[in-house]
Amino acid sequence: MTEAIGRIGVLGGGQLAWMMAQAAPRLGLELWVQAPSEADPAVALAAGRILAPPEDAVATAQLAQHCQVITFENEFVHLEALRNLEAQGVCFRPQLASLAPLLDKYTQRCFLRDLGLPVPEFRLLTATEQPQSYPVVLKACRGGYDGLGTRILHTPAALDQIRQEWAGRPAVVEAFVTYERELAILAARDVAGQIVHYPLVETQQEDQVCRRVLVPAAVPDEVTLQAEAMATTLLLALDYVGLLAIEFFLTPEGKLLVNEIAPRTHNSGHYTLDACVTSQFEQHLRATAGRPLGPPDLQVPAAVMVNLLGYETGERDYQATLKALADLPHSHVYWYGKNQARPGRKMGHVTVCLEQFDPTLAWAQARQIEALWVQ
């Protein structure tokens, strides 16, 4: 009989690991984190910690001595070094072979294309190439997050400037997609092969950072079925264990294009903490620990989630603002405990569970939250 998993390690100590650490005790699990700093949100809640960057494989070997399985909060991992640990018997979920096609944006695009999943036109940027038309989207192959490493370029001069700034950093150039809206879906697969899908949601991005999520997306059923089918195809092709997120563009013609894959819990799924039977964080831990998946169903008619993004640099007391947000009917406020704000940094989020599905009312609720946040 396989030994039951009771202790899980996480590479990363940010807010995603923080929310996993909150979910772990409810499943009878201990969570250890490998995080760069004592100030990282998850460190205070974790049962144990190794203070080191997530890409430090020597530290990960130490983490493995305390944990039966290791999972990931982000994609900034040293895959080759981790493969040495995997060869020595360290268990990673998702397994490293599942992550390998996804960590580099160009490799990810090629993998999706070869699977037959629709993606925007793309190519690897060469040192001298100039696109024939603008605008185009430029994405760094590695290290991009929350808008960093992604630029929308409108002129050859802008591309030349980015070439200088990035100093030869590998990048993908993509066709700019005219879309009707952006969508996202979470999907999970357990060790027995069971797959569940969360509701398809609409996301609103500003400066390539997610600001708002409307649950569920106001789209025809066939669009939801397309998204679920693509998620299933991806999970099976990767032999993936755990939860992942897929972001889409929905074109005016009703066609879905895959924008990006995140092999982890994801910002577009924070609403699941309050609106679903099983949160994305519990679901990922269930899969990682080798347990059956929980129901992903909504337990409210609808919800809206708003990210509390930094709009200033420095420290301030947000307590009065957070209380005003918490006083909104059916609201749930999550504050990540970060010491320093900066423009665009995710400081927390608010989810409001709604009594009816009405996108107009949902977006009005989102605007009310944002007005309170910046007052």
Protein backbone atom coordinates (compact mmCIF):
# COMPACT_ATOMS: atom_id res chain seq x y z
CA MET A 1 0.00 0.00 0.00
CA THR A 2 1.30 3.46 -0.93
CA GLU A 3 2.07 5.65 2.06
CA ALA A 4 -0.50 8.42 2.53
CA ILE A 5 0.94 11.86 1.79
CA GLY A 6 0.71 14.22 4.74
CA ARG A 7 3.40 16.82 4.04
CA ILE A 8 3.72 18.83 0.82
CA GLY A 9 6.49 21.24 -0.19
CA VAL A 10 5.86 24.29 -2.35
CA LEU A 11 8.46 26.11 -4.43
CA GLY A 12 7.53 29.74 -3.80
CA GLY A 13 6.17 31.69 -0.85
CA GLY A 14 3.88 34.31 -2.38
CA GLN A 15 0.14 34.74 -2.11
CA LEU A 16 -0.66 31.55 -4.03
CA ALA A 17 1.34 29.49 -1.54
CA TRP A 18 -0.23 31.57 1.27
CA MET A 19 -3.70 30.49 0.18
CA MET A 20 -2.54 26.89 -0.19
CA ALA A 21 -1.21 27.09 3.37
CA GLN A 22 -4.65 28.16 4.55
CA ALA A 23 -6.29 25.22 2.77
CA ALA A 24 -3.80 22.55 3.89
CA PRO A 25 -4.91 22.08 7.54
CA ARG A 26 -8.50 21.48 6.45
CA LEU A 27 -7.22 18.45 4.56
CA GLY A 28 -5.00 17.31 7.42
CA LEU A 29 -1.89 18.31 5.46
CA GLU A 30 1.26 20.17 6.46
CA LEU A 31 2.67 22.65 3.99
CA TRP A 32 6.35 23.59 3.78
CA VAL A 33 7.56 26.39 1.52
CA GLN A 34 10.80 27.30 -0.17
CA ALA A 35 10.73 31.11 -0.21
CA PRO A 36 13.36 33.84 -0.60
CA SER A 37 12.39 35.88 2.45
CA GLU A 38 10.80 35.69 5.88
CA ALA A 39 8.54 38.51 4.67
CA ASP A 40 6.94 36.39 1.93
CA PRO A 41 3.22 35.89 2.66
CA ALA A 42 3.23 32.09 2.98
CA VAL A 43 6.15 31.86 5.40
CA ALA A 44 4.12 32.90 8.44
CA LEU A 45 1.46 30.23 7.81
CA ALA A 46 3.65 27.35 6.64
CA ALA A 47 4.41 24.44 8.92
CA GLY A 48 8.06 24.75 7.87
CA ARG A 49 10.19 26.74 5.47
CA ILE A 50 13.49 26.76 3.60
CA LEU A 51 14.67 30.31 2.96
CA ALA A 52 15.99 30.32 -0.60
CA PRO A 53 14.80 31.35 -4.08
CA PRO A 54 12.51 28.79 -5.76
CA GLU A 55 15.12 28.15 -8.46
CA ASP A 56 17.74 27.07 -5.87
CA ALA A 57 17.84 23.30 -6.41
CA VAL A 58 20.22 22.72 -3.50
CA ALA A 59 17.60 24.22 -1.20
CA THR A 60 14.93 22.12 -2.91
CA ALA A 61 16.91 19.01 -2.00
CA GLN A 62 16.68 20.15 1.62
CA LEU A 63 12.93 20.73 1.22
CA ALA A 64 12.55 17.21 -0.15
CA GLN A 65 14.01 15.78 3.05
CA HIS A 66 10.99 17.12 4.92
CA CYS A 67 8.23 16.48 2.37
CA GLN A 68 6.81 13.53 0.48
CA VAL A 69 5.91 15.51 -2.64
CA ILE A 70 6.81 18.95 -4.01
CA THR A 71 4.63 21.25 -6.08
CA PHE A 72 4.98 24.74 -7.56
CA GLU A 73 3.66 28.24 -6.95
CA ASN A 74 5.32 29.70 -10.02
CA GLU A 75 7.24 28.76 -13.15
CA PHE A 76 10.64 30.16 -12.16
CA VAL A 77 12.32 26.80 -11.65
CA HIS A 78 15.66 25.33 -12.69
CA LEU A 79 14.29 22.33 -14.54
CA GLU A 80 17.58 20.60 -15.27
CA ALA A 81 18.70 20.74 -11.66
CA LEU A 82 15.32 19.46 -10.48
CA ARG A 83 15.59 16.54 -12.89
CA ASN A 84 18.61 15.36 -10.93
CA LEU A 85 16.47 15.34 -7.79
CA GLU A 86 13.65 13.55 -9.59
CA ALA A 87 16.13 10.87 -10.70
CA GLN A 88 17.05 10.43 -7.04
CA GLY A 89 13.44 9.72 -6.14
CA VAL A 90 12.02 13.15 -5.29
CA CYS A 91 8.34 13.26 -6.28
CA PHE A 92 7.13 16.38 -8.10
CA ARG A 93 3.49 17.03 -8.96
CA PRO A 94 2.96 18.03 -11.65
CA GLN A 95 5.89 15.94 -12.81
CA LEU A 96 8.76 17.75 -14.50
CA ALA A 97 7.98 16.22 -17.89
CA SER A 98 4.56 17.87 -17.66
CA LEU A 99 6.11 21.27 -16.96
CA ALA A 100 8.86 21.09 -19.57
CA PRO A 101 6.80 22.18 -22.62
CA LEU A 102 5.17 25.07 -20.73
CA LEU A 103 7.93 27.04 -19.00
CA ASP A 104 9.28 28.77 -22.12
CA LYS A 105 6.75 30.86 -24.07
CA TYR A 106 8.07 29.76 -27.47
CA THR A 107 8.19 26.09 -26.50
CA GLN A 108 4.67 26.42 -25.07
CA ARG A 109 3.37 27.94 -28.29
CA CYS A 110 4.94 25.17 -30.37
CA PHE A 111 3.52 22.49 -28.07
CA LEU A 112 0.00 23.91 -28.29
CA ARG A 113 0.21 24.29 -32.06
CA ASP A 114 1.40 20.70 -32.47
CA LEU A 115 -1.50 19.52 -30.29
CA GLY A 116 -3.88 21.23 -32.69
CA LEU A 117 -4.96 23.86 -30.16
CA PRO A 118 -5.54 27.28 -31.76
CA VAL A 119 -3.02 30.00 -30.89
CA PRO A 120 -2.19 33.42 -32.36
CA GLU A 121 0.38 33.48 -35.15
CA PHE A 122 3.84 33.49 -33.59
CA ARG A 123 7.53 33.10 -34.26
CA LEU A 124 10.80 33.42 -32.38
CA LEU A 125 12.17 36.94 -32.72
CA THR A 126 15.49 37.14 -34.55
CA ALA A 127 18.18 39.74 -34.01
CA THR A 128 17.39 41.76 -37.15
CA GLU A 129 13.81 40.90 -38.07
CA GLN A 130 11.19 43.62 -38.51
CA PRO A 131 7.50 42.59 -38.56
CA GLN A 132 5.67 43.48 -41.77
CA SER A 133 2.80 45.13 -39.90
CA TYR A 134 2.00 46.56 -36.48
CA PRO A 135 0.84 46.34 -33.74
CA VAL A 136 2.52 43.14 -32.55
CA VAL A 137 2.88 41.51 -29.16
CA LEU A 138 6.35 40.74 -27.81
CA LYS A 139 6.73 38.22 -24.98
CA ALA A 140 9.93 37.26 -23.19
CA CYS A 141 10.39 33.50 -23.41
CA ARG A 142 11.11 33.20 -19.68
CA GLY A 143 10.50 35.19 -16.53
CA GLY A 144 7.41 37.17 -17.45
CA TYR A 145 4.55 37.72 -15.00
CA ASP A 146 1.93 40.37 -14.18
CA GLY A 147 2.66 42.30 -17.36
CA LEU A 148 6.44 42.15 -16.98
CA GLY A 149 8.00 40.62 -20.05
CA THR A 150 5.04 41.45 -22.33
CA ARG A 151 4.84 44.52 -24.57
CA ILE A 152 2.41 45.66 -27.24
CA LEU A 153 4.47 47.43 -29.90
CA HIS A 154 3.11 49.87 -32.47
CA THR A 155 6.23 50.98 -34.38
CA PRO A 156 9.61 49.65 -35.54
CA ALA A 157 11.25 52.21 -33.24
CA ALA A 158 9.49 50.66 -30.24
CA LEU A 159 10.81 47.24 -31.21
CA ASP A 160 14.34 48.59 -31.56
CA GLN A 161 14.10 50.13 -28.09
CA ILE A 162 12.92 46.84 -26.56
CA ARG A 163 15.79 45.00 -28.27
CA GLN A 164 18.19 47.32 -26.48
CA GLU A 165 16.40 47.04 -23.13
CA TRP A 166 16.17 43.25 -23.26
CA ALA A 167 19.76 42.90 -24.53
CA GLY A 168 19.31 39.74 -26.55
CA ARG A 169 16.79 38.15 -24.20
CA PRO A 170 14.92 35.45 -26.20
CA ALA A 171 11.41 36.56 -27.12
CA VAL A 172 8.37 35.53 -29.11
CA VAL A 173 6.66 37.93 -31.48
CA GLU A 174 2.94 37.31 -31.91
CA ALA A 175 0.17 38.70 -34.05
CA PHE A 176 -1.99 41.21 -32.20
CA VAL A 177 -5.39 39.59 -31.71
CA THR A 178 -8.54 41.64 -32.04
CA TYR A 179 -10.74 39.97 -29.47
CA GLU A 180 -14.22 40.42 -28.07
CA ARG A 181 -13.20 39.50 -24.53
CA GLU A 182 -10.67 37.51 -22.53
CA LEU A 183 -11.67 34.28 -20.80
CA ALA A 184 -10.03 31.76 -18.48
CA ILE A 185 -10.72 28.28 -17.17
CA LEU A 186 -9.24 26.17 -14.39
CA ALA A 187 -8.97 22.42 -14.78
CA ALA A 188 -7.54 19.71 -12.54
CA ARG A 189 -6.53 16.08 -12.93
CA ASP A 190 -5.74 13.61 -10.15
CA VAL A 191 -3.39 10.64 -10.06
CA ALA A 192 -6.24 8.30 -11.06
CA GLY A 193 -6.92 10.35 -14.19
CA GLN A 194 -10.15 12.04 -13.07
CA ILE A 195 -10.59 15.52 -14.61
CA VAL A 196 -12.78 18.38 -13.42
CA HIS A 197 -13.39 21.81 -14.92
CA TYR A 198 -14.27 25.00 -13.11
CA PRO A 199 -16.65 27.54 -14.67
CA LEU A 200 -15.40 29.52 -17.63
CA VAL A 201 -14.83 33.10 -16.44
CA GLU A 202 -14.30 36.47 -18.04
CA THR A 203 -11.19 38.41 -17.09
CA GLN A 204 -10.40 42.06 -17.65
CA GLN A 205 -6.77 43.02 -18.03
CA GLU A 206 -5.12 46.43 -17.82
CA ASP A 207 -1.44 46.78 -18.74
CA GLN A 208 -1.38 42.96 -19.04
CA VAL A 209 -2.40 42.61 -15.36
CA CYS A 210 -5.71 41.04 -14.37
CA ARG A 211 -7.99 43.61 -12.70
CA ARG A 212 -11.38 41.87 -12.55
CA VAL A 213 -12.97 38.44 -12.96
CA LEU A 214 -16.65 37.87 -13.70
CA VAL A 215 -18.06 34.43 -12.81
CA PRO A 216 -19.41 32.78 -14.89
CA ALA A 217 -18.57 34.25 -18.29
CA ALA A 218 -21.60 35.45 -20.25
CA VAL A 219 -20.92 33.32 -23.33
CA PRO A 220 -22.84 30.67 -25.29
CA ASP A 221 -22.63 27.08 -24.03
CA GLU A 222 -20.65 26.03 -27.08
CA VAL A 223 -17.82 28.39 -26.09
CA THR A 224 -17.67 26.80 -22.63
CA LEU A 225 -17.61 23.34 -24.21
CA GLN A 226 -14.73 24.41 -26.48
CA ALA A 227 -12.74 25.61 -23.49
CA GLU A 228 -13.37 22.42 -21.50
CA ALA A 229 -12.39 20.25 -24.47
CA MET A 230 -9.12 22.17 -24.90
CA ALA A 231 -8.35 21.85 -21.19
CA THR A 232 -8.95 18.10 -21.29
CA THR A 233 -6.76 17.72 -24.37
CA LEU A 234 -3.95 19.59 -22.64
CA LEU A 235 -4.15 17.68 -19.33
CA LEU A 236 -4.10 14.33 -21.11
CA ALA A 237 -1.28 15.26 -23.49
CA LEU A 238 0.87 16.43 -20.56
CA ASP A 239 -0.10 13.51 -18.28
CA TYR A 240 -0.63 16.35 -15.84
CA VAL A 241 -1.43 15.93 -12.14
CA GLY A 242 -2.60 19.06 -10.37
CA LEU A 243 -4.46 22.20 -11.32
CA LEU A 244 -3.70 24.51 -14.22
CA ALA A 245 -5.22 27.60 -15.80
CA ILE A 246 -5.76 28.41 -19.45
CA GLU A 247 -6.29 31.97 -20.64
CA PHE A 248 -8.12 32.55 -23.92
CA PHE A 249 -8.98 35.24 -26.41
CA LEU A 250 -12.56 35.05 -27.72
CA THR A 251 -12.67 36.53 -31.21
CA PRO A 252 -15.70 38.37 -32.65
CA GLU A 253 -16.37 35.23 -34.71
CA GLY A 254 -16.76 33.15 -31.55
CA LYS A 255 -13.41 31.36 -31.92
CA LEU A 256 -11.20 30.65 -28.91
CA LEU A 257 -7.44 31.18 -29.13
CA VAL A 258 -5.17 30.03 -26.31
CA ASN A 259 -3.30 33.00 -24.91
CA GLU A 260 -1.27 31.44 -22.09
CA ILE A 261 -1.04 28.38 -19.85
CA ALA A 262 -0.22 28.66 -16.14
CA PRO A 263 0.76 25.25 -14.65
CA ARG A 264 -0.36 26.15 -11.10
CA THR A 265 -3.13 27.86 -9.19
CA HIS A 266 -4.00 31.16 -10.81
CA ASN A 267 -5.28 34.66 -10.15
CA SER A 268 -8.35 34.05 -12.33
CA GLY A 269 -9.44 31.37 -9.84
CA HIS A 270 -9.34 33.30 -6.57
CA TYR A 271 -13.13 33.52 -6.63
CA THR A 272 -13.25 29.74 -5.96
CA LEU A 273 -12.33 30.37 -2.31
CA ASP A 274 -15.82 31.73 -1.65
CA ALA A 275 -17.96 30.85 -4.66
CA CYS A 276 -17.19 27.16 -5.26
CA VAL A 277 -17.63 23.95 -3.30
CA THR A 278 -13.89 23.24 -3.61
CA SER A 279 -11.40 26.08 -3.95
CA GLN A 280 -8.63 25.90 -6.51
CA PHE A 281 -6.10 25.72 -3.67
CA GLU A 282 -7.75 22.76 -1.97
CA GLN A 283 -8.17 21.11 -5.37
CA HIS A 284 -4.50 21.44 -6.23
CA LEU A 285 -3.51 20.04 -2.83
CA ARG A 286 -5.93 17.15 -3.26
CA ALA A 287 -4.35 16.22 -6.58
CA THR A 288 -0.83 16.71 -5.25
CA ALA A 289 -1.52 14.54 -2.20
CA GLY A 290 -2.97 11.74 -4.34
CA ARG A 291 -6.54 12.26 -3.12
CA PRO A 292 -9.77 12.32 -5.14
CA LEU A 293 -10.77 15.68 -6.52
CA GLY A 294 -13.55 17.71 -4.95
CA PRO A 295 -16.61 19.16 -6.73
CA PRO A 296 -15.69 22.35 -8.64
CA ASP A 297 -19.29 23.60 -8.83
CA LEU A 298 -20.42 27.11 -8.05
CA GLN A 299 -22.43 27.33 -4.83
CA VAL A 300 -23.71 30.86 -5.60
CA PRO A 301 -25.40 32.17 -8.77
CA ALA A 302 -22.46 34.41 -9.68
CA ALA A 303 -19.46 36.27 -8.31
CA VAL A 304 -17.03 39.05 -9.12
CA MET A 305 -13.39 39.19 -8.02
CA VAL A 306 -11.30 42.38 -8.03
CA ASN A 307 -7.55 42.51 -7.52
CA LEU A 308 -6.32 45.16 -5.11
CA LEU A 309 -3.40 46.46 -7.14
CA GLY A 310 -0.81 48.84 -5.78
CA TYR A 311 -1.20 52.38 -7.10
CA GLU A 312 1.62 54.03 -5.16
CA THR A 313 5.14 53.23 -4.03
CA GLY A 314 5.87 52.79 -0.33
CA GLU A 315 4.01 51.82 2.83
CA ARG A 316 0.69 53.04 4.23
CA ASP A 317 -2.04 51.90 6.59
CA TYR A 318 -4.81 50.26 4.58
CA GLN A 319 -6.97 49.19 7.55
CA ALA A 320 -9.77 51.73 7.03
CA THR A 321 -9.94 50.86 3.34
CA LEU A 322 -10.02 47.14 4.04
CA LYS A 323 -12.82 47.61 6.58
CA ALA A 324 -14.89 49.56 4.04
CA LEU A 325 -14.42 46.76 1.54
CA ALA A 326 -15.32 44.11 4.11
CA ASP A 327 -18.52 46.00 4.94
CA LEU A 328 -19.86 45.52 1.40
CA PRO A 329 -22.66 42.92 1.35
CA HIS A 330 -21.44 39.36 0.64
CA SER A 331 -17.81 40.50 0.30
CA HIS A 332 -14.71 38.49 1.21
CA VAL A 333 -11.46 40.43 1.57
CA TYR A 334 -8.02 38.80 1.31
CA TRP A 335 -4.97 40.87 2.25
CA TYR A 336 -1.64 39.27 1.43
CA GLY A 337 0.37 41.07 4.11
CA LYS A 338 2.97 42.54 1.78
CA ASN A 339 5.06 45.30 3.32
CA GLN A 340 5.71 47.38 0.21
CA ALA A 341 3.26 48.63 -2.38
CA ARG A 342 4.20 49.56 -5.93
CA PRO A 343 2.07 50.31 -8.98
CA GLY A 344 0.49 47.12 -10.32
CA ARG A 345 1.59 44.89 -7.44
CA LYS A 346 -1.08 42.47 -6.20
CA MET A 347 -1.66 43.43 -2.58
CA GLY A 348 -4.88 41.47 -2.05
CA HIS A 349 -8.24 40.72 -3.62
CA VAL A 350 -11.95 41.03 -2.92
CA THR A 351 -14.63 38.57 -3.99
CA VAL A 352 -18.31 39.47 -3.82
CA CYS A 353 -20.80 36.61 -4.13
CA LEU A 354 -23.86 37.73 -6.08
CA GLU A 355 -27.49 36.71 -5.66
CA GLN A 356 -28.16 36.72 -9.39
CA PHE A 357 -26.22 36.47 -12.63
CA ASP A 358 -26.26 39.93 -14.17
CA PRO A 359 -23.01 41.10 -15.83
CA THR A 360 -24.06 44.76 -15.69
CA LEU A 361 -24.58 44.59 -11.93
CA ALA A 362 -21.37 42.60 -11.50
CA TRP A 363 -19.23 45.19 -13.26
CA ALA A 364 -20.94 47.94 -11.27
CA GLN A 365 -19.96 46.07 -8.11
CA ALA A 366 -16.37 45.85 -9.37
CA ARG A 367 -16.26 49.61 -9.98
CA GLN A 368 -17.56 50.22 -6.45
CA ILE A 369 -14.76 48.08 -5.02
CA GLU A 370 -12.14 49.92 -7.07
CA ALA A 371 -13.49 53.32 -6.02
CA LEU A 372 -13.19 52.34 -2.35
CA TRP A 373 -9.70 50.96 -2.89
CA VAL A 374 -8.18 54.13 -4.37
CA GLN A 375 -10.07 56.77 -2.34
